[in-house]
Amino acid sequence: MWKRNGKKMEVVYGDIADQKDIDAVVNAANAELQTGGGVAGAIHRAAGPALAEAGEKLAPIKPGEAVLTDGFNLPNDYVIHCLGPVYHRDSPADVLLASCYREALARAEEKQCTSIAFPAISTGAFGYPFQSAMRTAITTVMETVDKLEHVKLVRFVLFSEGEAEEYRLFLAED
């Protein structure tokens, strides 16, 4: 866990679609904001078909962009959809990935959310190396969250205990 200036970052192993105490969850989306595998599949299954319908109105989005919809059947008020870069295709990948985190935080701030949960964006089917993506995610959130008025809690939700432990160790270094 990381705490500074009334802000907190924490790491959990679990399901991004089951974060009951969080205002907004982040979807590692595809450009069309439709259901897919991994994070997007889990969020769409839990939210129900209205999420895909809402996404149709906002799509397509570009790598590094984030848009917001209601959470529908999720326990969260909002879903923030981010299109992360496909590694070795979308360039510069590190800049686009950092933009995802900044843009998601901006959408949460606009809705006066006090908490947001992120998956490891782009590390699955998009092929972004986990360690590099983790450093970009944590560093970008640390740099951004201090500037926000409303967002007080950022949670990283990882799909494996091993990945969650890597995030915890990296956060402990700060």
C-alpha atoms as a PDB file:
ATOM      1  CA  MET A   1       0.000   0.000   0.000  1.00  0.00           C
ATOM      2  CA  TRP A   2       1.063   3.572  -0.722  1.00  0.00           C
ATOM      3  CA  LYS A   3      -0.239   6.645   1.096  1.00  0.00           C
ATOM      4  CA  ARG A   4       0.595  10.287   0.495  1.00  0.00           C
ATOM      5  CA  ASN A   5      -1.256  13.582   0.944  1.00  0.00           C
ATOM      6  CA  GLY A   6      -4.548  11.873   1.776  1.00  0.00           C
ATOM      7  CA  LYS A   7      -4.339   9.634  -1.283  1.00  0.00           C
ATOM      8  CA  LYS A   8      -3.958   5.866  -1.216  1.00  0.00           C
ATOM      9  CA  MET A   9      -2.937   3.196  -3.719  1.00  0.00           C
ATOM     10  CA  GLU A  10      -3.502  -0.459  -3.002  1.00  0.00           C
ATOM     11  CA  VAL A  11      -3.140  -3.754  -4.810  1.00  0.00           C
ATOM     12  CA  VAL A  12      -5.487  -6.738  -4.708  1.00  0.00           C
ATOM     13  CA  TYR A  13      -5.665 -10.082  -6.444  1.00  0.00           C
ATOM     14  CA  GLY A  14      -9.168 -10.598  -7.757  1.00  0.00           C
ATOM     15  CA  ASP A  15     -11.858  -9.890 -10.305  1.00  0.00           C
ATOM     16  CA  ILE A  16     -12.129  -6.314 -11.599  1.00  0.00           C
ATOM     17  CA  ALA A  17     -15.893  -6.856 -12.047  1.00  0.00           C
ATOM     18  CA  ASP A  18     -16.329  -7.619  -8.329  1.00  0.00           C
ATOM     19  CA  GLN A  19     -14.984  -4.440  -6.689  1.00  0.00           C
ATOM     20  CA  LYS A  20     -18.038  -3.554  -4.635  1.00  0.00           C
ATOM     21  CA  ASP A  21     -16.570  -0.596  -2.747  1.00  0.00           C
ATOM     22  CA  ILE A  22     -15.219   1.292  -5.782  1.00  0.00           C
ATOM     23  CA  ASP A  23     -16.987   4.116  -7.665  1.00  0.00           C
ATOM     24  CA  ALA A  24     -15.493   3.414 -11.102  1.00  0.00           C
ATOM     25  CA  VAL A  25     -13.795   0.386 -12.631  1.00  0.00           C
ATOM     26  CA  VAL A  26     -11.564   0.588 -15.663  1.00  0.00           C
ATOM     27  CA  ASN A  27     -12.192  -1.657 -18.637  1.00  0.00           C
ATOM     28  CA  ALA A  28      -9.206  -2.645 -20.773  1.00  0.00           C
ATOM     29  CA  ALA A  29     -11.384  -2.067 -23.808  1.00  0.00           C
ATOM     30  CA  ASN A  30     -11.194  -2.682 -27.517  1.00  0.00           C
ATOM     31  CA  ALA A  31     -11.689   0.214 -29.947  1.00  0.00           C
ATOM     32  CA  GLU A  32     -15.373  -0.610 -30.452  1.00  0.00           C
ATOM     33  CA  LEU A  33     -16.088  -0.869 -26.681  1.00  0.00           C
ATOM     34  CA  GLN A  34     -17.669  -4.280 -27.142  1.00  0.00           C
ATOM     35  CA  THR A  35     -17.329  -7.460 -25.147  1.00  0.00           C
ATOM     36  CA  GLY A  36     -14.225  -9.523 -25.637  1.00  0.00           C
ATOM     37  CA  GLY A  37     -11.947 -11.734 -23.617  1.00  0.00           C
ATOM     38  CA  GLY A  38     -10.090 -11.022 -20.401  1.00  0.00           C
ATOM     39  CA  VAL A  39     -11.014  -7.867 -18.526  1.00  0.00           C
ATOM     40  CA  ALA A  40     -13.499  -6.635 -21.143  1.00  0.00           C
ATOM     41  CA  GLY A  41     -15.304  -9.982 -21.133  1.00  0.00           C
ATOM     42  CA  ALA A  42     -15.552 -10.076 -17.343  1.00  0.00           C
ATOM     43  CA  ILE A  43     -16.855  -6.518 -17.119  1.00  0.00           C
ATOM     44  CA  HIS A  44     -19.362  -6.942 -19.947  1.00  0.00           C
ATOM     45  CA  ARG A  45     -20.693 -10.227 -18.518  1.00  0.00           C
ATOM     46  CA  ALA A  46     -21.217  -8.643 -15.102  1.00  0.00           C
ATOM     47  CA  ALA A  47     -22.618  -5.343 -16.395  1.00  0.00           C
ATOM     48  CA  GLY A  48     -25.067  -6.906 -18.839  1.00  0.00           C
ATOM     49  CA  PRO A  49     -25.946  -6.056 -22.463  1.00  0.00           C
ATOM     50  CA  ALA A  50     -26.701  -2.390 -21.731  1.00  0.00           C
ATOM     51  CA  LEU A  51     -22.952  -1.782 -21.409  1.00  0.00           C
ATOM     52  CA  ALA A  52     -22.315  -2.784 -25.033  1.00  0.00           C
ATOM     53  CA  GLU A  53     -25.252  -0.626 -26.144  1.00  0.00           C
ATOM     54  CA  ALA A  54     -23.811   2.376 -24.295  1.00  0.00           C
ATOM     55  CA  GLY A  55     -20.395   1.703 -25.804  1.00  0.00           C
ATOM     56  CA  GLU A  56     -21.779   1.779 -29.355  1.00  0.00           C
ATOM     57  CA  LYS A  57     -22.566   5.475 -28.938  1.00  0.00           C
ATOM     58  CA  LEU A  58     -18.981   6.336 -27.895  1.00  0.00           C
ATOM     59  CA  ALA A  59     -16.980   4.100 -30.224  1.00  0.00           C
ATOM     60  CA  PRO A  60     -14.556   3.961 -31.796  1.00  0.00           C
ATOM     61  CA  ILE A  61     -11.837   5.233 -29.480  1.00  0.00           C
ATOM     62  CA  LYS A  62      -8.108   5.483 -30.170  1.00  0.00           C
ATOM     63  CA  PRO A  63      -5.186   4.083 -28.164  1.00  0.00           C
ATOM     64  CA  GLY A  64      -4.605   6.217 -25.084  1.00  0.00           C
ATOM     65  CA  GLU A  65      -8.202   7.461 -24.921  1.00  0.00           C
ATOM     66  CA  ALA A  66     -10.737   6.849 -22.156  1.00  0.00           C
ATOM     67  CA  VAL A  67     -14.514   7.262 -22.146  1.00  0.00           C
ATOM     68  CA  LEU A  68     -17.079   6.724 -19.411  1.00  0.00           C
ATOM     69  CA  THR A  69     -20.383   4.843 -19.246  1.00  0.00           C
ATOM     70  CA  ASP A  70     -22.684   3.884 -16.428  1.00  0.00           C
ATOM     71  CA  GLY A  71     -21.877   0.654 -14.579  1.00  0.00           C
ATOM     72  CA  PHE A  72     -25.316  -0.924 -15.219  1.00  0.00           C
ATOM     73  CA  ASN A  73     -25.423  -4.280 -13.345  1.00  0.00           C
ATOM     74  CA  LEU A  74     -21.954  -3.848 -11.862  1.00  0.00           C
ATOM     75  CA  PRO A  75     -21.669  -2.777  -8.213  1.00  0.00           C
ATOM     76  CA  ASN A  76     -19.919   0.385  -9.487  1.00  0.00           C
ATOM     77  CA  ASP A  77     -21.452   3.637 -10.662  1.00  0.00           C
ATOM     78  CA  TYR A  78     -19.222   3.879 -13.724  1.00  0.00           C
ATOM     79  CA  VAL A  79     -17.072   1.961 -16.173  1.00  0.00           C
ATOM     80  CA  ILE A  80     -14.190   3.878 -17.695  1.00  0.00           C
ATOM     81  CA  HIS A  81     -13.155   2.279 -20.971  1.00  0.00           C
ATOM     82  CA  CYS A  82      -9.501   2.678 -21.963  1.00  0.00           C
ATOM     83  CA  LEU A  83      -7.943   1.498 -25.189  1.00  0.00           C
ATOM     84  CA  GLY A  84      -4.394   0.541 -24.360  1.00  0.00           C
ATOM     85  CA  PRO A  85      -1.722   0.235 -27.008  1.00  0.00           C
ATOM     86  CA  VAL A  86      -1.031  -3.008 -28.832  1.00  0.00           C
ATOM     87  CA  TYR A  87       2.652  -3.592 -28.163  1.00  0.00           C
ATOM     88  CA  HIS A  88       4.851  -3.312 -31.282  1.00  0.00           C
ATOM     89  CA  ARG A  89       1.957  -1.824 -33.256  1.00  0.00           C
ATOM     90  CA  ASP A  90       0.815   1.362 -31.516  1.00  0.00           C
ATOM     91  CA  SER A  91       3.606   3.878 -30.934  1.00  0.00           C
ATOM     92  CA  PRO A  92       4.919   5.305 -28.773  1.00  0.00           C
ATOM     93  CA  ALA A  93       3.525   2.523 -26.578  1.00  0.00           C
ATOM     94  CA  ASP A  94       4.714   3.963 -23.249  1.00  0.00           C
ATOM     95  CA  VAL A  95       3.176   7.375 -23.973  1.00  0.00           C
ATOM     96  CA  LEU A  96      -0.133   5.817 -25.051  1.00  0.00           C
ATOM     97  CA  LEU A  97      -0.257   3.543 -22.007  1.00  0.00           C
ATOM     98  CA  ALA A  98       0.453   6.425 -19.638  1.00  0.00           C
ATOM     99  CA  SER A  99      -2.299   8.393 -21.377  1.00  0.00           C
ATOM    100  CA  CYS A 100      -4.775   5.594 -20.578  1.00  0.00           C
ATOM    101  CA  TYR A 101      -4.134   5.962 -16.866  1.00  0.00           C
ATOM    102  CA  ARG A 102      -4.185   9.785 -16.915  1.00  0.00           C
ATOM    103  CA  GLU A 103      -7.360   9.883 -19.031  1.00  0.00           C
ATOM    104  CA  ALA A 104      -9.140   7.328 -16.832  1.00  0.00           C
ATOM    105  CA  LEU A 105      -8.282   9.345 -13.732  1.00  0.00           C
ATOM    106  CA  ALA A 106      -9.550  12.492 -15.481  1.00  0.00           C
ATOM    107  CA  ARG A 107     -12.892  10.814 -16.295  1.00  0.00           C
ATOM    108  CA  ALA A 108     -13.212   9.685 -12.654  1.00  0.00           C
ATOM    109  CA  GLU A 109     -12.402  13.174 -11.406  1.00  0.00           C
ATOM    110  CA  GLU A 110     -15.006  14.711 -13.740  1.00  0.00           C
ATOM    111  CA  LYS A 111     -17.687  12.533 -12.108  1.00  0.00           C
ATOM    112  CA  GLN A 112     -16.344  13.310  -8.613  1.00  0.00           C
ATOM    113  CA  CYS A 113     -15.476   9.664  -7.983  1.00  0.00           C
ATOM    114  CA  THR A 114     -13.485   9.078  -4.825  1.00  0.00           C
ATOM    115  CA  SER A 115     -12.230   5.641  -5.875  1.00  0.00           C
ATOM    116  CA  ILE A 116     -11.156   3.882  -9.066  1.00  0.00           C
ATOM    117  CA  ALA A 117      -9.917   0.362  -9.844  1.00  0.00           C
ATOM    118  CA  PHE A 118      -7.520  -0.462 -12.682  1.00  0.00           C
ATOM    119  CA  PRO A 119      -6.570  -3.761 -14.300  1.00  0.00           C
ATOM    120  CA  ALA A 120      -3.126  -4.215 -15.868  1.00  0.00           C
ATOM    121  CA  ILE A 121      -4.018  -2.471 -19.137  1.00  0.00           C
ATOM    122  CA  SER A 122      -2.548  -3.912 -22.371  1.00  0.00           C
ATOM    123  CA  THR A 123      -0.689  -6.790 -20.683  1.00  0.00           C
ATOM    124  CA  GLY A 124      -2.978  -9.556 -21.937  1.00  0.00           C
ATOM    125  CA  ALA A 125      -3.868 -10.018 -25.586  1.00  0.00           C
ATOM    126  CA  PHE A 126      -2.258  -6.664 -26.475  1.00  0.00           C
ATOM    127  CA  GLY A 127       1.149  -8.115 -25.558  1.00  0.00           C
ATOM    128  CA  TYR A 128       2.616  -5.298 -23.477  1.00  0.00           C
ATOM    129  CA  PRO A 129       5.442  -6.652 -21.267  1.00  0.00           C
ATOM    130  CA  PHE A 130       4.074  -6.885 -17.718  1.00  0.00           C
ATOM    131  CA  GLN A 131       7.024  -5.297 -15.857  1.00  0.00           C
ATOM    132  CA  SER A 132       7.203  -2.302 -18.173  1.00  0.00           C
ATOM    133  CA  ALA A 133       3.427  -1.799 -18.104  1.00  0.00           C
ATOM    134  CA  MET A 134       3.428  -2.031 -14.308  1.00  0.00           C
ATOM    135  CA  ARG A 135       6.112   0.659 -13.966  1.00  0.00           C
ATOM    136  CA  THR A 136       4.238   2.944 -16.361  1.00  0.00           C
ATOM    137  CA  ALA A 137       0.922   2.383 -14.573  1.00  0.00           C
ATOM    138  CA  ILE A 138       2.173   3.014 -11.048  1.00  0.00           C
ATOM    139  CA  THR A 139       4.440   5.928 -11.967  1.00  0.00           C
ATOM    140  CA  THR A 140       1.723   7.652 -13.998  1.00  0.00           C
ATOM    141  CA  VAL A 141      -0.886   7.230 -11.264  1.00  0.00           C
ATOM    142  CA  MET A 142       1.532   8.544  -8.616  1.00  0.00           C
ATOM    143  CA  GLU A 143       2.271  11.613 -10.736  1.00  0.00           C
ATOM    144  CA  THR A 144      -1.396  12.256 -11.509  1.00  0.00           C
ATOM    145  CA  VAL A 145      -3.385  11.449  -8.374  1.00  0.00           C
ATOM    146  CA  ASP A 146      -1.821  14.225  -6.266  1.00  0.00           C
ATOM    147  CA  LYS A 147      -3.278  16.800  -8.659  1.00  0.00           C
ATOM    148  CA  LEU A 148      -6.837  15.507  -8.264  1.00  0.00           C
ATOM    149  CA  GLU A 149      -9.414  16.831  -5.830  1.00  0.00           C
ATOM    150  CA  HIS A 150     -11.878  13.944  -5.617  1.00  0.00           C
ATOM    151  CA  VAL A 151     -10.033  10.683  -6.308  1.00  0.00           C
ATOM    152  CA  LYS A 152      -8.608   9.453  -2.998  1.00  0.00           C
ATOM    153  CA  LEU A 153      -8.221   5.699  -3.582  1.00  0.00           C
ATOM    154  CA  VAL A 154      -6.653   3.932  -6.560  1.00  0.00           C
ATOM    155  CA  ARG A 155      -6.819   0.151  -6.540  1.00  0.00           C
ATOM    156  CA  PHE A 156      -4.893  -2.065  -8.920  1.00  0.00           C
ATOM    157  CA  VAL A 157      -6.764  -5.348  -9.412  1.00  0.00           C
ATOM    158  CA  LEU A 158      -4.561  -8.127 -10.743  1.00  0.00           C
ATOM    159  CA  PHE A 159      -5.649 -11.427 -12.219  1.00  0.00           C
ATOM    160  CA  SER A 160      -2.937 -13.484 -10.518  1.00  0.00           C
ATOM    161  CA  GLU A 161      -1.466 -13.413  -7.035  1.00  0.00           C
ATOM    162  CA  GLY A 162       2.038 -13.359  -8.540  1.00  0.00           C
ATOM    163  CA  GLU A 163       1.288 -10.214 -10.538  1.00  0.00           C
ATOM    164  CA  ALA A 164      -0.343  -8.598  -7.505  1.00  0.00           C
ATOM    165  CA  GLU A 165       2.791  -9.302  -5.477  1.00  0.00           C
ATOM    166  CA  GLU A 166       4.973  -7.667  -8.152  1.00  0.00           C
ATOM    167  CA  TYR A 167       2.806  -4.526  -7.937  1.00  0.00           C
ATOM    168  CA  ARG A 168       3.032  -4.573  -4.122  1.00  0.00           C
ATOM    169  CA  LEU A 169       6.807  -4.825  -4.218  1.00  0.00           C
ATOM    170  CA  PHE A 170       7.110  -1.990  -6.728  1.00  0.00           C
ATOM    171  CA  LEU A 171       4.825   0.244  -4.635  1.00  0.00           C
ATOM    172  CA  ALA A 172       6.860  -0.551  -1.510  1.00  0.00           C
ATOM    173  CA  GLU A 173       9.984   0.840  -3.228  1.00  0.00           C
ATOM    174  CA  ASP A 174       8.562   4.381  -3.311  1.00  0.00           C
END
